[in-house]
Protein backbone atom coordinates (compact mmCIF):
# COMPACT_ATOMS: atom_id res chain seq x y z
CA MET A 1 217.69 49.89 132.48
CA THR A 2 220.41 48.57 130.31
CA ALA A 3 220.80 49.38 126.62
CA HIS A 4 219.71 45.87 125.74
CA GLN A 5 216.39 46.27 127.59
CA ASN A 6 215.71 49.68 126.00
CA ALA A 7 216.19 48.32 122.50
CA GLY A 8 213.29 45.92 122.91
CA THR A 9 210.72 48.47 124.06
CA LEU A 10 207.96 49.64 121.76
CA PRO A 11 207.42 53.30 120.87
CA ASP A 12 204.60 55.22 122.49
CA VAL A 13 201.38 53.89 121.02
CA ARG A 14 199.52 57.22 121.40
CA ALA A 15 202.03 59.10 119.24
CA ASP A 16 200.22 58.23 116.01
CA ARG A 17 196.68 58.88 117.29
CA ALA A 18 194.77 62.13 117.06
CA PRO A 19 194.81 64.21 120.24
CA LEU A 20 191.94 63.77 122.65
CA HIS A 21 189.27 66.45 122.60
CA GLY A 22 188.86 67.62 126.17
CA GLY A 23 189.58 64.16 127.51
CA ARG A 24 186.70 62.60 125.57
CA ARG A 25 187.19 60.31 122.61
CA ARG A 26 183.56 59.60 121.79
CA PRO A 27 181.20 62.45 122.70
CA ALA A 28 178.36 60.87 120.70
CA VAL A 29 178.50 57.74 122.83
CA ARG A 30 178.35 59.87 125.96
CA ARG A 31 175.27 61.73 124.69
CA ILE A 32 173.53 58.46 123.85
CA ALA A 33 174.38 57.00 127.25
CA ARG A 34 173.01 60.09 129.00
CA GLY A 35 169.81 59.84 126.98
CA VAL A 36 169.38 56.18 127.87
CA LEU A 37 169.97 56.91 131.55
CA PHE A 38 167.44 59.76 131.45
CA VAL A 39 164.80 57.45 129.96
CA ALA A 40 165.61 54.79 132.55
CA GLN A 41 165.14 57.32 135.36
CA ALA A 42 161.81 58.44 133.87
CA VAL A 43 160.60 54.83 133.66
CA SER A 44 161.71 54.23 137.24
CA LEU A 45 159.84 57.32 138.44
CA GLY A 46 156.70 56.16 136.64
CA CYS A 47 156.94 52.70 138.19
CA TYR A 48 157.35 54.06 141.71
CA ALA A 49 154.47 56.50 141.19
CA GLN A 50 152.22 53.67 140.01
CA LEU A 51 153.24 51.54 142.98
CA TYR A 52 152.45 54.43 145.34
CA ARG A 53 149.03 54.87 143.71
CA ARG A 54 148.25 51.15 143.99
CA ILE A 55 149.22 51.01 147.65
CA LEU A 56 147.02 53.99 148.44
CA ALA A 57 144.19 52.56 146.31
CA ALA A 58 144.38 49.34 148.31
CA LEU A 59 143.89 51.46 151.43
CA GLY A 60 140.88 53.18 149.86
CA ALA A 61 142.46 56.45 148.72
CA ARG A 62 142.33 57.42 145.05
CA ILE A 63 144.90 59.97 143.88
CA ARG A 64 145.96 61.34 140.50
CA PHE A 65 149.12 60.07 138.86
CA ARG A 66 150.59 63.58 138.84
CA LEU A 67 150.27 63.82 142.63
CA ALA A 68 151.86 60.39 143.05
CA ALA A 69 154.73 61.44 140.76
CA ASP A 70 155.22 64.69 142.71
CA VAL A 71 155.33 62.78 146.01
CA THR A 72 157.77 60.27 144.54
CA LEU A 73 160.04 63.07 143.30
CA ALA A 74 159.89 64.89 146.64
CA THR A 75 160.90 61.79 148.59
CA GLY A 76 163.83 60.92 146.28
């Protein structure tokens, strides 16, 4: 680059920021996101277990929710 092009460049933007902590800027946001994903997975498991119970009930078999949840977890 020529001297003229260098004169117009901006300084490093990160120079005035605090250093990153282990590569993460917002650990609280990450914890919240993990919590939301955990709840979403639990809701999904419950929905699949209920669907499994309803299908078996339509065929005449009655099973406990716990057994349906265990089967759903084992097949995932």
